[in-house]
Structure formats: structure tokens, C-alpha cells
N, C-alpha and C. Protein backbone atom coordinates (compact mmCIF):
# COMPACT_ATOMS: atom_id res chain seq x y z
N MET A 1 16.32 -8.90 -3.39
CA MET A 1 15.10 -8.55 -4.09
C MET A 1 14.63 -7.17 -3.67
N ILE A 2 14.69 -6.88 -2.37
CA ILE A 2 14.24 -5.58 -1.89
C ILE A 2 15.14 -4.48 -2.43
N LYS A 3 16.44 -4.69 -2.43
CA LYS A 3 17.36 -3.68 -2.96
C LYS A 3 17.08 -3.41 -4.43
N ARG A 4 16.86 -4.48 -5.21
CA ARG A 4 16.55 -4.29 -6.64
C ARG A 4 15.28 -3.47 -6.81
N ALA A 5 14.26 -3.77 -6.00
CA ALA A 5 12.99 -3.05 -6.11
C ALA A 5 13.17 -1.58 -5.74
N VAL A 6 13.85 -1.32 -4.64
CA VAL A 6 14.05 0.07 -4.20
C VAL A 6 14.93 0.83 -5.19
N ASP A 7 15.92 0.17 -5.75
CA ASP A 7 16.80 0.84 -6.71
C ASP A 7 16.10 1.22 -8.01
N THR A 8 14.95 0.59 -8.31
CA THR A 8 14.21 1.01 -9.51
C THR A 8 13.72 2.45 -9.40
N LEU A 9 13.70 2.97 -8.19
CA LEU A 9 13.28 4.37 -8.00
C LEU A 9 14.30 5.35 -8.57
N ILE A 10 15.54 4.91 -8.73
CA ILE A 10 16.59 5.84 -9.20
C ILE A 10 17.36 5.35 -10.42
N ASP A 11 17.09 4.14 -10.89
CA ASP A 11 17.90 3.60 -11.98
C ASP A 11 17.33 3.84 -13.38
N GLY A 12 16.25 4.62 -13.46
CA GLY A 12 15.65 4.92 -14.76
C GLY A 12 14.47 4.04 -15.11
N THR A 13 14.15 3.06 -14.27
CA THR A 13 13.00 2.19 -14.52
C THR A 13 11.72 3.01 -14.58
N PHE A 14 11.59 3.96 -13.65
CA PHE A 14 10.44 4.84 -13.59
C PHE A 14 10.88 6.27 -13.82
N SER A 15 10.01 7.08 -14.37
CA SER A 15 10.35 8.47 -14.62
C SER A 15 9.31 9.38 -14.02
N ASP A 16 9.76 10.39 -13.30
CA ASP A 16 8.86 11.41 -12.79
C ASP A 16 9.13 12.75 -13.46
N GLY A 17 9.77 12.68 -14.62
CA GLY A 17 10.03 13.89 -15.41
C GLY A 17 11.37 14.55 -15.14
N GLY A 18 12.06 14.11 -14.10
CA GLY A 18 13.37 14.68 -13.80
C GLY A 18 14.47 13.83 -14.43
N ALA A 19 15.69 14.31 -14.28
CA ALA A 19 16.84 13.54 -14.76
C ALA A 19 16.96 12.26 -13.92
N GLN A 20 17.57 11.24 -14.51
CA GLN A 20 17.73 9.98 -13.79
C GLN A 20 18.41 10.22 -12.45
N GLY A 21 17.84 9.66 -11.40
CA GLY A 21 18.41 9.83 -10.07
C GLY A 21 17.98 11.11 -9.38
N GLU A 22 17.10 11.89 -10.00
CA GLU A 22 16.61 13.13 -9.40
C GLU A 22 15.10 13.08 -9.30
N GLY A 23 14.51 14.02 -8.62
CA GLY A 23 13.06 14.13 -8.55
C GLY A 23 12.47 13.41 -7.36
N SER A 24 11.14 13.26 -7.37
CA SER A 24 10.44 12.72 -6.20
C SER A 24 10.77 11.25 -5.95
N PHE A 25 11.06 10.49 -7.01
CA PHE A 25 11.44 9.09 -6.80
C PHE A 25 12.78 9.01 -6.09
N ALA A 26 13.70 9.89 -6.44
CA ALA A 26 15.00 9.91 -5.77
C ALA A 26 14.82 10.31 -4.30
N GLU A 27 13.92 11.24 -4.05
CA GLU A 27 13.64 11.66 -2.68
C GLU A 27 13.07 10.48 -1.87
N LEU A 28 12.16 9.72 -2.49
CA LEU A 28 11.61 8.55 -1.82
C LEU A 28 12.70 7.53 -1.56
N HIS A 29 13.55 7.27 -2.56
CA HIS A 29 14.66 6.33 -2.39
C HIS A 29 15.55 6.76 -1.23
N HIS A 30 15.90 8.03 -1.21
CA HIS A 30 16.78 8.56 -0.16
C HIS A 30 16.11 8.38 1.22
N SER A 31 14.82 8.67 1.31
CA SER A 31 14.15 8.55 2.61
C SER A 31 14.06 7.10 3.07
N LEU A 32 13.91 6.17 2.13
CA LEU A 32 13.87 4.75 2.50
C LEU A 32 15.23 4.26 2.99
N ILE A 33 16.30 4.72 2.34
CA ILE A 33 17.65 4.23 2.66
C ILE A 33 18.31 5.02 3.77
N HIS A 34 18.18 6.35 3.70
CA HIS A 34 18.94 7.23 4.61
C HIS A 34 18.06 7.97 5.62
N GLY A 35 16.76 8.01 5.37
CA GLY A 35 15.88 8.79 6.24
C GLY A 35 15.81 10.24 5.77
N ALA A 36 15.20 11.06 6.57
CA ALA A 36 15.06 12.48 6.27
C ALA A 36 15.25 13.24 7.58
N HIS A 37 15.20 14.54 7.49
CA HIS A 37 15.43 15.33 8.71
C HIS A 37 14.37 15.08 9.78
N TRP A 38 13.23 14.56 9.40
CA TRP A 38 12.16 14.35 10.37
C TRP A 38 11.86 12.88 10.65
N HIS A 39 12.58 11.94 10.03
CA HIS A 39 12.33 10.53 10.32
C HIS A 39 13.53 9.66 10.00
N GLN A 40 13.50 8.47 10.60
CA GLN A 40 14.53 7.46 10.36
C GLN A 40 14.30 6.80 9.01
N PRO A 41 15.30 6.07 8.50
CA PRO A 41 15.09 5.33 7.24
C PRO A 41 13.90 4.38 7.33
N ASP A 42 13.18 4.26 6.23
CA ASP A 42 12.03 3.36 6.12
C ASP A 42 11.07 3.52 7.30
N HIS A 43 10.73 4.76 7.57
CA HIS A 43 9.89 5.16 8.70
C HIS A 43 8.58 4.37 8.77
N TYR A 44 8.00 4.06 7.62
CA TYR A 44 6.72 3.36 7.58
C TYR A 44 6.87 1.85 7.33
N PHE A 45 8.10 1.34 7.43
CA PHE A 45 8.39 -0.09 7.30
C PHE A 45 7.95 -0.66 5.95
N ILE A 46 8.11 0.11 4.92
CA ILE A 46 7.74 -0.33 3.57
C ILE A 46 8.58 -1.54 3.16
N MET A 47 9.87 -1.47 3.41
CA MET A 47 10.74 -2.57 3.00
C MET A 47 10.47 -3.83 3.83
N LEU A 48 10.08 -3.65 5.08
CA LEU A 48 9.77 -4.80 5.93
C LEU A 48 8.58 -5.56 5.39
N ASP A 49 7.60 -4.85 4.84
CA ASP A 49 6.38 -5.47 4.33
C ASP A 49 6.44 -5.85 2.85
N LEU A 50 7.53 -5.50 2.18
CA LEU A 50 7.59 -5.69 0.74
C LEU A 50 7.41 -7.14 0.31
N GLN A 51 8.06 -8.08 0.97
CA GLN A 51 7.97 -9.47 0.55
C GLN A 51 6.54 -9.99 0.67
N SER A 52 5.86 -9.67 1.77
CA SER A 52 4.47 -10.14 1.91
C SER A 52 3.58 -9.47 0.87
N TYR A 53 3.86 -8.20 0.53
CA TYR A 53 3.11 -7.52 -0.52
C TYR A 53 3.31 -8.22 -1.87
N VAL A 54 4.55 -8.55 -2.19
CA VAL A 54 4.86 -9.23 -3.45
C VAL A 54 4.17 -10.59 -3.49
N ASP A 55 4.24 -11.33 -2.40
CA ASP A 55 3.58 -12.64 -2.34
C ASP A 55 2.08 -12.51 -2.58
N LYS A 56 1.45 -11.52 -1.95
CA LYS A 56 0.01 -11.33 -2.11
C LYS A 56 -0.32 -10.87 -3.52
N LYS A 57 0.54 -10.03 -4.11
CA LYS A 57 0.33 -9.58 -5.49
C LYS A 57 0.38 -10.76 -6.46
N ILE A 58 1.31 -11.67 -6.26
CA ILE A 58 1.41 -12.87 -7.10
C ILE A 58 0.15 -13.71 -6.94
N GLU A 59 -0.31 -13.88 -5.70
CA GLU A 59 -1.54 -14.63 -5.45
C GLU A 59 -2.73 -13.97 -6.15
N CYS A 60 -2.82 -12.66 -6.07
CA CYS A 60 -3.92 -11.94 -6.74
C CYS A 60 -3.86 -12.13 -8.25
N ASN A 61 -2.66 -12.04 -8.81
CA ASN A 61 -2.52 -12.24 -10.25
C ASN A 61 -2.94 -13.66 -10.66
N GLN A 62 -2.59 -14.64 -9.84
CA GLN A 62 -3.00 -16.01 -10.12
C GLN A 62 -4.52 -16.15 -10.02
N ASN A 63 -5.11 -15.52 -9.01
CA ASN A 63 -6.57 -15.56 -8.86
C ASN A 63 -7.25 -14.89 -10.04
N TYR A 64 -6.66 -13.81 -10.53
CA TYR A 64 -7.26 -13.07 -11.65
C TYR A 64 -7.29 -13.92 -12.92
N SER A 65 -6.37 -14.86 -13.04
CA SER A 65 -6.36 -15.70 -14.23
C SER A 65 -7.61 -16.59 -14.30
N ASP A 66 -8.22 -16.87 -13.15
CA ASP A 66 -9.50 -17.57 -13.10
C ASP A 66 -10.57 -16.50 -12.89
N ARG A 67 -11.11 -15.99 -13.99
CA ARG A 67 -11.99 -14.82 -13.92
C ARG A 67 -13.23 -15.06 -13.06
N THR A 68 -13.78 -16.26 -13.08
CA THR A 68 -14.96 -16.55 -12.27
C THR A 68 -14.62 -16.51 -10.79
N LYS A 69 -13.51 -17.13 -10.42
CA LYS A 69 -13.07 -17.11 -9.02
C LYS A 69 -12.79 -15.68 -8.58
N PHE A 70 -12.14 -14.91 -9.43
CA PHE A 70 -11.81 -13.53 -9.10
C PHE A 70 -13.08 -12.70 -8.92
N ALA A 71 -14.03 -12.85 -9.83
CA ALA A 71 -15.30 -12.11 -9.74
C ALA A 71 -16.05 -12.48 -8.47
N THR A 72 -16.01 -13.75 -8.10
CA THR A 72 -16.67 -14.20 -6.87
C THR A 72 -16.01 -13.55 -5.65
N GLN A 73 -14.69 -13.51 -5.63
CA GLN A 73 -13.98 -12.88 -4.52
C GLN A 73 -14.31 -11.39 -4.44
N CYS A 74 -14.38 -10.71 -5.59
CA CYS A 74 -14.72 -9.29 -5.62
C CYS A 74 -16.12 -9.06 -5.08
N LEU A 75 -17.06 -9.87 -5.50
CA LEU A 75 -18.44 -9.73 -5.05
C LEU A 75 -18.55 -9.94 -3.54
N LYS A 76 -17.87 -10.96 -3.02
CA LYS A 76 -17.88 -11.21 -1.58
C LYS A 76 -17.26 -10.04 -0.83
N ASN A 77 -16.20 -9.49 -1.37
CA ASN A 77 -15.52 -8.36 -0.74
C ASN A 77 -16.45 -7.16 -0.64
N VAL A 78 -17.13 -6.85 -1.73
CA VAL A 78 -18.06 -5.71 -1.75
C VAL A 78 -19.23 -5.99 -0.81
N ALA A 79 -19.76 -7.19 -0.84
CA ALA A 79 -20.91 -7.54 0.00
C ALA A 79 -20.58 -7.43 1.48
N ASN A 80 -19.35 -7.74 1.85
CA ASN A 80 -18.94 -7.70 3.25
C ASN A 80 -18.41 -6.35 3.69
N ALA A 81 -18.25 -5.42 2.79
CA ALA A 81 -17.68 -4.11 3.12
C ALA A 81 -18.65 -3.24 3.89
N GLY A 82 -19.94 -3.51 3.79
CA GLY A 82 -20.94 -2.69 4.46
C GLY A 82 -20.72 -2.56 5.95
N TYR A 83 -20.32 -3.62 6.60
CA TYR A 83 -20.11 -3.59 8.04
C TYR A 83 -19.02 -2.60 8.42
N PHE A 84 -18.06 -2.38 7.54
CA PHE A 84 -16.93 -1.52 7.83
C PHE A 84 -17.13 -0.10 7.33
N SER A 85 -18.35 0.26 6.98
CA SER A 85 -18.60 1.59 6.42
C SER A 85 -18.35 2.67 7.47
N SER A 86 -18.01 3.86 6.99
CA SER A 86 -17.76 4.97 7.90
C SER A 86 -19.04 5.38 8.62
N ASP A 87 -20.21 5.22 8.00
CA ASP A 87 -21.47 5.54 8.67
C ASP A 87 -21.66 4.69 9.91
N ARG A 88 -21.41 3.39 9.79
CA ARG A 88 -21.55 2.50 10.93
C ARG A 88 -20.54 2.85 12.00
N THR A 89 -19.32 3.16 11.60
CA THR A 89 -18.28 3.49 12.56
C THR A 89 -18.63 4.74 13.35
N ILE A 90 -19.09 5.78 12.66
CA ILE A 90 -19.45 7.02 13.34
C ILE A 90 -20.63 6.80 14.28
N LEU A 91 -21.62 6.05 13.83
CA LEU A 91 -22.76 5.74 14.69
C LEU A 91 -22.32 4.98 15.93
N GLN A 92 -21.43 4.00 15.75
CA GLN A 92 -20.93 3.23 16.89
C GLN A 92 -20.15 4.13 17.85
N TYR A 93 -19.29 5.02 17.32
CA TYR A 93 -18.56 5.96 18.17
C TYR A 93 -19.54 6.83 18.95
N ALA A 94 -20.56 7.35 18.24
CA ALA A 94 -21.54 8.23 18.88
C ALA A 94 -22.23 7.52 20.03
N GLU A 95 -22.61 6.28 19.83
CA GLU A 95 -23.35 5.54 20.86
C GLU A 95 -22.46 5.04 21.98
N GLU A 96 -21.32 4.44 21.63
CA GLU A 96 -20.52 3.76 22.64
C GLU A 96 -19.48 4.66 23.31
N LEU A 97 -18.86 5.55 22.57
CA LEU A 97 -17.81 6.38 23.14
C LEU A 97 -18.32 7.71 23.64
N TRP A 98 -19.13 8.35 22.82
CA TRP A 98 -19.60 9.69 23.15
C TRP A 98 -20.92 9.69 23.89
N LYS A 99 -21.57 8.51 23.97
CA LYS A 99 -22.85 8.35 24.67
C LYS A 99 -23.92 9.33 24.15
N LEU A 100 -23.97 9.49 22.83
CA LEU A 100 -24.96 10.36 22.20
C LEU A 100 -26.16 9.53 21.78
N LYS A 101 -27.30 10.13 21.77
CA LYS A 101 -28.52 9.45 21.33
C LYS A 101 -29.00 10.05 20.03
């Protein structure tokens, strides 16, 4: 499954305006499989996380089919995001790490 997904970057499934097998998608494919001069293959572990991403995407699609459930989840997500705001984080850093008043 992972090989099929990664190969879509060069098999013509997606187009970035270049010839098939060329362009930025081909560069991404090459870096995932072979690496680049500055990193090993799959440096950010994209392929390692792919299955869990696909599983979560399927779950999200199923949740979206129940529009009320999906809207409720979205609302809860937005309502709970305030605690993780950058303003709170900077204030916490200022107080706890930098000891600023």
C-alpha cells in the first residue's frame, strides 16, 4: 500500500506541470526512496506514519458522513483550542522560563 501511494508521485496520478516522472513530485519521490545529499531516505518518517494517517483519514470521512456528529466534533475542537494558543504559550514562557513580569 505504501509503495503504491508513493509511486503516485511519479506515475502520472498527480501533475506538477512537468513531464511524467519529473518535477517536484519526482524530487519528493526520490528523497523518500533514496534520500538526498543532506538527508537519509524518508528523513521525516512519512512512510512510517502513512498507515496511521490513512486509518485516521478513513475515520474522519466516516465521521463526516454524520454531519451532526462532525459539527459537534469541530465545535469541541475549536472550543478547546484556546488553551493551546500562542498567546498563552508565550505568556507561560515569559513567566516560567524567562522569569519576566
